[in-house]
Amino acid sequence: WILTASILAVVLLLLLIIRFRFQPFVALLVAAI
C-alpha cells in the first residue's frame, strides 16, 4: 500500500500540474497531504 500510495501521489501531482495547471508549489502540497 505504501508503494501504491506513493505512485498514486506522483500521478496526482502530474495531473494537477499538467491537466489542471496548478502552480507546482500548490500541487506538491496537495500531493503530500
PDB file of all heavy atoms in Angstrom:
ATOM      1  N   TRP A   1       0.835  -1.213   0.000  1.00  0.00           N
ATOM      2  CA  TRP A   1       0.000   0.000   0.000  1.00  0.00           C
ATOM      3  C   TRP A   1       0.869   1.262   0.000  1.00  0.00           C
ATOM      4  O   TRP A   1       0.535   2.250  -0.667  1.00  0.00           O
ATOM      5  CB  TRP A   1      -0.933   0.011   1.201  1.00  0.00           C
ATOM      6  CG  TRP A   1      -1.683   1.308   1.323  1.00  0.00           C
ATOM      7  CD1 TRP A   1      -1.658   2.191   2.349  1.00  0.00           C
ATOM      8  CD2 TRP A   1      -2.540   1.907   0.332  1.00  0.00           C
ATOM      9  NE1 TRP A   1      -2.429   3.291   2.084  1.00  0.00           N
ATOM     10  CE2 TRP A   1      -2.990   3.139   0.845  1.00  0.00           C
ATOM     11  CE3 TRP A   1      -2.962   1.515  -0.931  1.00  0.00           C
ATOM     12  CZ2 TRP A   1      -3.853   3.976   0.155  1.00  0.00           C
ATOM     13  CZ3 TRP A   1      -3.821   2.355  -1.645  1.00  0.00           C
ATOM     14  CH2 TRP A   1      -4.259   3.572  -1.100  1.00  0.00           C
ATOM     15  N   ILE A   2       1.975   1.253   0.743  1.00  0.00           N
ATOM     16  CA  ILE A   2       2.873   2.420   0.744  1.00  0.00           C
ATOM     17  C   ILE A   2       3.386   2.691  -0.666  1.00  0.00           C
ATOM     18  O   ILE A   2       3.398   3.841  -1.132  1.00  0.00           O
ATOM     19  CB  ILE A   2       4.048   2.190   1.720  1.00  0.00           C
ATOM     20  CG1 ILE A   2       3.551   2.231   3.164  1.00  0.00           C
ATOM     21  CG2 ILE A   2       5.137   3.244   1.505  1.00  0.00           C
ATOM     22  CD1 ILE A   2       4.613   1.873   4.179  1.00  0.00           C
ATOM     23  N   LEU A   3       3.798   1.627  -1.357  1.00  0.00           N
ATOM     24  CA  LEU A   3       4.299   1.784  -2.717  1.00  0.00           C
ATOM     25  C   LEU A   3       3.196   2.269  -3.649  1.00  0.00           C
ATOM     26  O   LEU A   3       3.406   3.178  -4.464  1.00  0.00           O
ATOM     27  CB  LEU A   3       4.872   0.455  -3.224  1.00  0.00           C
ATOM     28  CG  LEU A   3       5.548   0.476  -4.595  1.00  0.00           C
ATOM     29  CD1 LEU A   3       6.704   1.473  -4.614  1.00  0.00           C
ATOM     30  CD2 LEU A   3       6.051  -0.909  -4.974  1.00  0.00           C
ATOM     31  N   THR A   4       2.001   1.696  -3.516  1.00  0.00           N
ATOM     32  CA  THR A   4       0.869   2.111  -4.356  1.00  0.00           C
ATOM     33  C   THR A   4       0.497   3.567  -4.097  1.00  0.00           C
ATOM     34  O   THR A   4       0.260   4.348  -5.024  1.00  0.00           O
ATOM     35  CB  THR A   4      -0.350   1.214  -4.083  1.00  0.00           C
ATOM     36  OG1 THR A   4      -0.001  -0.145  -4.351  1.00  0.00           O
ATOM     37  CG2 THR A   4      -1.533   1.621  -4.960  1.00  0.00           C
ATOM     38  N   ALA A   5       0.455   3.942  -2.809  1.00  0.00           N
ATOM     39  CA  ALA A   5       0.094   5.320  -2.463  1.00  0.00           C
ATOM     40  C   ALA A   5       1.105   6.318  -2.994  1.00  0.00           C
ATOM     41  O   ALA A   5       0.743   7.418  -3.442  1.00  0.00           O
ATOM     42  CB  ALA A   5      -0.024   5.448  -0.943  1.00  0.00           C
ATOM     43  N   SER A   6       2.385   5.948  -2.968  1.00  0.00           N
ATOM     44  CA  SER A   6       3.411   6.855  -3.490  1.00  0.00           C
ATOM     45  C   SER A   6       3.257   7.044  -5.003  1.00  0.00           C
ATOM     46  O   SER A   6       3.404   8.162  -5.513  1.00  0.00           O
ATOM     47  CB  SER A   6       4.805   6.341  -3.149  1.00  0.00           C
ATOM     48  OG  SER A   6       5.075   5.121  -3.812  1.00  0.00           O
ATOM     49  N   ILE A   7       2.949   5.956  -5.709  1.00  0.00           N
ATOM     50  CA  ILE A   7       2.743   6.062  -7.159  1.00  0.00           C
ATOM     51  C   ILE A   7       1.526   6.929  -7.463  1.00  0.00           C
ATOM     52  O   ILE A   7       1.556   7.802  -8.342  1.00  0.00           O
ATOM     53  CB  ILE A   7       2.583   4.658  -7.780  1.00  0.00           C
ATOM     54  CG1 ILE A   7       3.895   3.879  -7.660  1.00  0.00           C
ATOM     55  CG2 ILE A   7       2.159   4.756  -9.247  1.00  0.00           C
ATOM     56  CD1 ILE A   7       3.775   2.428  -8.063  1.00  0.00           C
ATOM     57  N   LEU A   8       0.424   6.693  -6.708  1.00  0.00           N
ATOM     58  CA  LEU A   8      -0.783   7.497  -6.915  1.00  0.00           C
ATOM     59  C   LEU A   8      -0.535   8.968  -6.595  1.00  0.00           C
ATOM     60  O   LEU A   8      -1.087   9.858  -7.265  1.00  0.00           O
ATOM     61  CB  LEU A   8      -1.919   6.954  -6.044  1.00  0.00           C
ATOM     62  CG  LEU A   8      -2.462   5.573  -6.433  1.00  0.00           C
ATOM     63  CD1 LEU A   8      -3.493   5.098  -5.412  1.00  0.00           C
ATOM     64  CD2 LEU A   8      -3.079   5.620  -7.829  1.00  0.00           C
ATOM     65  N   ALA A   9       0.302   9.237  -5.593  1.00  0.00           N
ATOM     66  CA  ALA A   9       0.607  10.627  -5.244  1.00  0.00           C
ATOM     67  C   ALA A   9       1.363  11.318  -6.371  1.00  0.00           C
ATOM     68  O   ALA A   9       1.107  12.494  -6.681  1.00  0.00           O
ATOM     69  CB  ALA A   9       1.416  10.672  -3.952  1.00  0.00           C
ATOM     70  N   VAL A  10       2.302  10.607  -6.998  1.00  0.00           N
ATOM     71  CA  VAL A  10       3.045  11.182  -8.124  1.00  0.00           C
ATOM     72  C   VAL A  10       2.108  11.399  -9.319  1.00  0.00           C
ATOM     73  O   VAL A  10       2.181  12.435 -10.000  1.00  0.00           O
ATOM     74  CB  VAL A  10       4.225  10.276  -8.516  1.00  0.00           C
ATOM     75  CG1 VAL A  10       4.896  10.787  -9.784  1.00  0.00           C
ATOM     76  CG2 VAL A  10       5.238  10.203  -7.383  1.00  0.00           C
ATOM     77  N   VAL A  11       1.213  10.442  -9.560  1.00  0.00           N
ATOM     78  CA  VAL A  11       0.236  10.597 -10.646  1.00  0.00           C
ATOM     79  C   VAL A  11      -0.648  11.818 -10.377  1.00  0.00           C
ATOM     80  O   VAL A  11      -0.926  12.620 -11.283  1.00  0.00           O
ATOM     81  CB  VAL A  11      -0.618   9.323 -10.796  1.00  0.00           C
ATOM     82  CG1 VAL A  11      -1.769   9.568 -11.773  1.00  0.00           C
ATOM     83  CG2 VAL A  11       0.234   8.163 -11.272  1.00  0.00           C
ATOM     84  N   LEU A  12      -1.097  11.963  -9.134  1.00  0.00           N
ATOM     85  CA  LEU A  12      -1.902  13.135  -8.762  1.00  0.00           C
ATOM     86  C   LEU A  12      -1.124  14.420  -8.989  1.00  0.00           C
ATOM     87  O   LEU A  12      -1.662  15.408  -9.523  1.00  0.00           O
ATOM     88  CB  LEU A  12      -2.323  13.021  -7.296  1.00  0.00           C
ATOM     89  CG  LEU A  12      -3.044  14.243  -6.693  1.00  0.00           C
ATOM     90  CD1 LEU A  12      -4.352  14.508  -7.431  1.00  0.00           C
ATOM     91  CD2 LEU A  12      -3.290  14.049  -5.200  1.00  0.00           C
ATOM     92  N   LEU A  13       0.142  14.422  -8.601  1.00  0.00           N
ATOM     93  CA  LEU A  13       0.992  15.606  -8.796  1.00  0.00           C
ATOM     94  C   LEU A  13       1.060  15.997 -10.265  1.00  0.00           C
ATOM     95  O   LEU A  13       0.895  17.175 -10.620  1.00  0.00           O
ATOM     96  CB  LEU A  13       2.385  15.315  -8.250  1.00  0.00           C
ATOM     97  CG  LEU A  13       3.470  16.369  -8.490  1.00  0.00           C
ATOM     98  CD1 LEU A  13       3.135  17.649  -7.742  1.00  0.00           C
ATOM     99  CD2 LEU A  13       4.832  15.840  -8.058  1.00  0.00           C
ATOM    100  N   LEU A  14       1.293  15.017 -11.135  1.00  0.00           N
ATOM    101  CA  LEU A  14       1.392  15.298 -12.565  1.00  0.00           C
ATOM    102  C   LEU A  14       0.060  15.775 -13.132  1.00  0.00           C
ATOM    103  O   LEU A  14       0.020  16.689 -13.974  1.00  0.00           O
ATOM    104  CB  LEU A  14       1.876  14.049 -13.303  1.00  0.00           C
ATOM    105  CG  LEU A  14       3.309  13.613 -12.991  1.00  0.00           C
ATOM    106  CD1 LEU A  14       3.638  12.313 -13.701  1.00  0.00           C
ATOM    107  CD2 LEU A  14       4.306  14.691 -13.379  1.00  0.00           C
ATOM    108  N   LEU A  15      -1.038  15.168 -12.690  1.00  0.00           N
ATOM    109  CA  LEU A  15      -2.362  15.596 -13.164  1.00  0.00           C
ATOM    110  C   LEU A  15      -2.636  17.047 -12.767  1.00  0.00           C
ATOM    111  O   LEU A  15      -3.143  17.840 -13.571  1.00  0.00           O
ATOM    112  CB  LEU A  15      -3.444  14.691 -12.593  1.00  0.00           C
ATOM    113  CG  LEU A  15      -3.630  13.326 -13.255  1.00  0.00           C
ATOM    114  CD1 LEU A  15      -4.648  12.495 -12.479  1.00  0.00           C
ATOM    115  CD2 LEU A  15      -4.081  13.484 -14.706  1.00  0.00           C
ATOM    116  N   LEU A  16      -2.307  17.395 -11.535  1.00  0.00           N
ATOM    117  CA  LEU A  16      -2.554  18.765 -11.071  1.00  0.00           C
ATOM    118  C   LEU A  16      -1.743  19.779 -11.874  1.00  0.00           C
ATOM    119  O   LEU A  16      -2.239  20.863 -12.211  1.00  0.00           O
ATOM    120  CB  LEU A  16      -2.209  18.874  -9.586  1.00  0.00           C
ATOM    121  CG  LEU A  16      -3.133  18.120  -8.617  1.00  0.00           C
ATOM    122  CD1 LEU A  16      -2.605  18.230  -7.191  1.00  0.00           C
ATOM    123  CD2 LEU A  16      -4.558  18.645  -8.700  1.00  0.00           C
ATOM    124  N   ILE A  17      -0.477  19.430 -12.177  1.00  0.00           N
ATOM    125  CA  ILE A  17       0.377  20.376 -12.903  1.00  0.00           C
ATOM    126  C   ILE A  17       0.030  20.426 -14.386  1.00  0.00           C
ATOM    127  O   ILE A  17      -0.085  21.507 -14.973  1.00  0.00           O
ATOM    128  CB  ILE A  17       1.859  20.008 -12.712  1.00  0.00           C
ATOM    129  CG1 ILE A  17       2.275  20.184 -11.248  1.00  0.00           C
ATOM    130  CG2 ILE A  17       2.759  20.862 -13.613  1.00  0.00           C
ATOM    131  CD1 ILE A  17       3.684  19.724 -10.945  1.00  0.00           C
ATOM    132  N   ILE A  18      -0.137  19.245 -15.006  1.00  0.00           N
ATOM    133  CA  ILE A  18      -0.306  19.185 -16.461  1.00  0.00           C
ATOM    134  C   ILE A  18      -1.751  19.427 -16.877  1.00  0.00           C
ATOM    135  O   ILE A  18      -2.025  20.252 -17.744  1.00  0.00           O
ATOM    136  CB  ILE A  18       0.178  17.814 -16.983  1.00  0.00           C
ATOM    137  CG1 ILE A  18       1.658  17.610 -16.669  1.00  0.00           C
ATOM    138  CG2 ILE A  18      -0.052  17.705 -18.498  1.00  0.00           C
ATOM    139  CD1 ILE A  18       2.143  16.200 -16.923  1.00  0.00           C
ATOM    140  N   ARG A  19      -2.673  18.704 -16.248  1.00  0.00           N
ATOM    141  CA  ARG A  19      -4.075  18.755 -16.686  1.00  0.00           C
ATOM    142  C   ARG A  19      -4.799  19.968 -16.124  1.00  0.00           C
ATOM    143  O   ARG A  19      -5.534  20.665 -16.833  1.00  0.00           O
ATOM    144  CB  ARG A  19      -4.790  17.469 -16.264  1.00  0.00           C
ATOM    145  CG  ARG A  19      -6.285  17.438 -16.606  1.00  0.00           C
ATOM    146  CD  ARG A  19      -6.491  17.341 -18.128  1.00  0.00           C
ATOM    147  NE  ARG A  19      -7.897  17.270 -18.470  1.00  0.00           N
ATOM    148  CZ  ARG A  19      -8.702  18.321 -18.607  1.00  0.00           C
ATOM    149  NH1 ARG A  19      -8.218  19.546 -18.422  1.00  0.00           N
ATOM    150  NH2 ARG A  19      -9.972  18.175 -18.936  1.00  0.00           N
ATOM    151  N   PHE A  20      -4.595  20.240 -14.845  1.00  0.00           N
ATOM    152  CA  PHE A  20      -5.366  21.306 -14.190  1.00  0.00           C
ATOM    153  C   PHE A  20      -4.557  22.586 -13.995  1.00  0.00           C
ATOM    154  O   PHE A  20      -5.064  23.544 -13.399  1.00  0.00           O
ATOM    155  CB  PHE A  20      -5.906  20.804 -12.848  1.00  0.00           C
ATOM    156  CG  PHE A  20      -6.833  19.634 -12.973  1.00  0.00           C
ATOM    157  CD1 PHE A  20      -6.419  18.362 -12.626  1.00  0.00           C
ATOM    158  CD2 PHE A  20      -8.120  19.797 -13.467  1.00  0.00           C
ATOM    159  CE1 PHE A  20      -7.271  17.269 -12.747  1.00  0.00           C
ATOM    160  CE2 PHE A  20      -8.978  18.720 -13.601  1.00  0.00           C
ATOM    161  CZ  PHE A  20      -8.559  17.443 -13.244  1.00  0.00           C
ATOM    162  N   ARG A  21      -3.322  22.610 -14.454  1.00  0.00           N
ATOM    163  CA  ARG A  21      -2.477  23.815 -14.471  1.00  0.00           C
ATOM    164  C   ARG A  21      -2.258  24.406 -13.083  1.00  0.00           C
ATOM    165  O   ARG A  21      -2.223  25.635 -12.913  1.00  0.00           O
ATOM    166  CB  ARG A  21      -3.092  24.884 -15.399  1.00  0.00           C
ATOM    167  CG  ARG A  21      -3.308  24.422 -16.819  1.00  0.00           C
ATOM    168  CD  ARG A  21      -2.005  24.167 -17.525  1.00  0.00           C
ATOM    169  NE  ARG A  21      -2.185  23.747 -18.910  1.00  0.00           N
ATOM    170  CZ  ARG A  21      -1.198  23.388 -19.707  1.00  0.00           C
ATOM    171  NH1 ARG A  21       0.040  23.404 -19.256  1.00  0.00           N
ATOM    172  NH2 ARG A  21      -1.423  23.014 -20.955  1.00  0.00           N
ATOM    173  N   PHE A  22      -2.146  23.552 -12.070  1.00  0.00           N
ATOM    174  CA  PHE A  22      -1.829  24.040 -10.733  1.00  0.00           C
ATOM    175  C   PHE A  22      -0.391  24.562 -10.711  1.00  0.00           C
ATOM    176  O   PHE A  22       0.472  24.045 -11.401  1.00  0.00           O
ATOM    177  CB  PHE A  22      -1.950  22.904  -9.713  1.00  0.00           C
ATOM    178  CG  PHE A  22      -3.329  22.714  -9.143  1.00  0.00           C
ATOM    179  CD1 PHE A  22      -4.436  22.640  -9.974  1.00  0.00           C
ATOM    180  CD2 PHE A  22      -3.518  22.604  -7.773  1.00  0.00           C
ATOM    181  CE1 PHE A  22      -5.700  22.437  -9.457  1.00  0.00           C
ATOM    182  CE2 PHE A  22      -4.783  22.413  -7.244  1.00  0.00           C
ATOM    183  CZ  PHE A  22      -5.877  22.335  -8.082  1.00  0.00           C
ATOM    184  N   GLN A  23      -0.164  25.582  -9.884  1.00  0.00           N
ATOM    185  CA  GLN A  23       1.213  26.010  -9.631  1.00  0.00           C
ATOM    186  C   GLN A  23       1.935  24.855  -8.931  1.00  0.00           C
ATOM    187  O   GLN A  23       1.370  24.232  -8.028  1.00  0.00           O
ATOM    188  CB  GLN A  23       1.195  27.246  -8.732  1.00  0.00           C
ATOM    189  CG  GLN A  23       2.271  28.271  -9.039  1.00  0.00           C
ATOM    190  CD  GLN A  23       3.660  27.810  -8.606  1.00  0.00           C
ATOM    191  OE1 GLN A  23       3.795  27.064  -7.657  1.00  0.00           O
ATOM    192  NE2 GLN A  23       4.688  28.291  -9.287  1.00  0.00           N
ATOM    193  N   PRO A  24       3.167  24.509  -9.334  1.00  0.00           N
ATOM    194  CA  PRO A  24       3.839  23.344  -8.744  1.00  0.00           C
ATOM    195  C   PRO A  24       3.933  23.375  -7.223  1.00  0.00           C
ATOM    196  O   PRO A  24       3.865  22.326  -6.571  1.00  0.00           O
ATOM    197  CB  PRO A  24       5.234  23.393  -9.388  1.00  0.00           C
ATOM    198  CG  PRO A  24       5.004  24.035 -10.710  1.00  0.00           C
ATOM    199  CD  PRO A  24       3.934  25.053 -10.478  1.00  0.00           C
ATOM    200  N   PHE A  25       4.075  24.559  -6.627  1.00  0.00           N
ATOM    201  CA  PHE A  25       4.128  24.661  -5.171  1.00  0.00           C
ATOM    202  C   PHE A  25       2.848  24.120  -4.539  1.00  0.00           C
ATOM    203  O   PHE A  25       2.872  23.300  -3.606  1.00  0.00           O
ATOM    204  CB  PHE A  25       4.360  26.127  -4.778  1.00  0.00           C
ATOM    205  CG  PHE A  25       4.071  26.430  -3.340  1.00  0.00           C
ATOM    206  CD1 PHE A  25       4.847  25.880  -2.332  1.00  0.00           C
ATOM    207  CD2 PHE A  25       3.022  27.270  -2.990  1.00  0.00           C
ATOM    208  CE1 PHE A  25       4.586  26.164  -0.997  1.00  0.00           C
ATOM    209  CE2 PHE A  25       2.760  27.559  -1.666  1.00  0.00           C
ATOM    210  CZ  PHE A  25       3.541  27.002  -0.667  1.00  0.00           C
ATOM    211  N   VAL A  26       1.698  24.559  -5.059  1.00  0.00           N
ATOM    212  CA  VAL A  26       0.408  24.103  -4.537  1.00  0.00           C
ATOM    213  C   VAL A  26       0.210  22.619  -4.837  1.00  0.00           C
ATOM    214  O   VAL A  26      -0.246  21.855  -3.980  1.00  0.00           O
ATOM    215  CB  VAL A  26      -0.746  24.940  -5.142  1.00  0.00           C
ATOM    216  CG1 VAL A  26      -2.096  24.431  -4.644  1.00  0.00           C
ATOM    217  CG2 VAL A  26      -0.568  26.412  -4.810  1.00  0.00           C
ATOM    218  N   ALA A  27       0.595  22.194  -6.052  1.00  0.00           N
ATOM    219  CA  ALA A  27       0.419  20.793  -6.433  1.00  0.00           C
ATOM    220  C   ALA A  27       1.229  19.867  -5.529  1.00  0.00           C
ATOM    221  O   ALA A  27       0.747  18.800  -5.119  1.00  0.00           O
ATOM    222  CB  ALA A  27       0.834  20.604  -7.888  1.00  0.00           C
ATOM    223  N   LEU A  28       2.461  20.259  -5.193  1.00  0.00           N
ATOM    224  CA  LEU A  28       3.295  19.440  -4.306  1.00  0.00           C
ATOM    225  C   LEU A  28       2.682  19.327  -2.912  1.00  0.00           C
ATOM    226  O   LEU A  28       2.690  18.254  -2.295  1.00  0.00           O
ATOM    227  CB  LEU A  28       4.704  20.019  -4.223  1.00  0.00           C
ATOM    228  CG  LEU A  28       5.642  19.678  -5.379  1.00  0.00           C
ATOM    229  CD1 LEU A  28       6.841  20.624  -5.396  1.00  0.00           C
ATOM    230  CD2 LEU A  28       6.125  18.230  -5.281  1.00  0.00           C
ATOM    231  N   LEU A  29       2.134  20.427  -2.411  1.00  0.00           N
ATOM    232  CA  LEU A  29       1.499  20.384  -1.092  1.00  0.00           C
ATOM    233  C   LEU A  29       0.269  19.485  -1.095  1.00  0.00           C
ATOM    234  O   LEU A  29       0.055  18.687  -0.171  1.00  0.00           O
ATOM    235  CB  LEU A  29       1.115  21.796  -0.641  1.00  0.00           C
ATOM    236  CG  LEU A  29       2.224  22.681  -0.090  1.00  0.00           C
ATOM    237  CD1 LEU A  29       1.665  24.037   0.335  1.00  0.00           C
ATOM    238  CD2 LEU A  29       2.918  22.020   1.104  1.00  0.00           C
ATOM    239  N   VAL A  30      -0.560  19.605  -2.136  1.00  0.00           N
ATOM    240  CA  VAL A  30      -1.768  18.775  -2.229  1.00  0.00           C
ATOM    241  C   VAL A  30      -1.386  17.296  -2.308  1.00  0.00           C
ATOM    242  O   VAL A  30      -1.973  16.443  -1.625  1.00  0.00           O
ATOM    243  CB  VAL A  30      -2.616  19.185  -3.446  1.00  0.00           C
ATOM    244  CG1 VAL A  30      -3.760  18.184  -3.673  1.00  0.00           C
ATOM    245  CG2 VAL A  30      -3.182  20.585  -3.252  1.00  0.00           C
ATOM    246  N   ALA A  31      -0.395  16.972  -3.141  1.00  0.00           N
ATOM    247  CA  ALA A  31       0.047  15.574  -3.273  1.00  0.00           C
ATOM    248  C   ALA A  31       0.616  15.055  -1.958  1.00  0.00           C
ATOM    249  O   ALA A  31       0.384  13.896  -1.579  1.00  0.00           O
ATOM    250  CB  ALA A  31       1.088  15.459  -4.386  1.00  0.00           C
ATOM    251  N   ALA A  32       1.357  15.907  -1.252  1.00  0.00           N
ATOM    252  CA  ALA A  32       1.922  15.495   0.037  1.00  0.00           C
ATOM    253  C   ALA A  32       0.818  15.216   1.057  1.00  0.00           C
ATOM    254  O   ALA A  32       0.865  14.215   1.788  1.00  0.00           O
ATOM    255  CB  ALA A  32       2.858  16.584   0.562  1.00  0.00           C
ATOM    256  N   ILE A  33      -0.182  16.089   1.114  1.00  0.00           N
ATOM    257  CA  ILE A  33      -1.292  15.897   2.049  1.00  0.00           C
ATOM    258  C   ILE A  33      -2.067  14.628   1.707  1.00  0.00           C
ATOM    259  O   ILE A  33      -2.414  13.828   2.600  1.00  0.00           O
ATOM    260  CB  ILE A  33      -2.225  17.128   2.042  1.00  0.00           C
ATOM    261  CG1 ILE A  33      -1.495  18.330   2.640  1.00  0.00           C
ATOM    262  CG2 ILE A  33      -3.521  16.839   2.801  1.00  0.00           C
ATOM    263  CD1 ILE A  33      -2.227  19.646   2.463  1.00  0.00           C
TER     264      ILE A  33
END
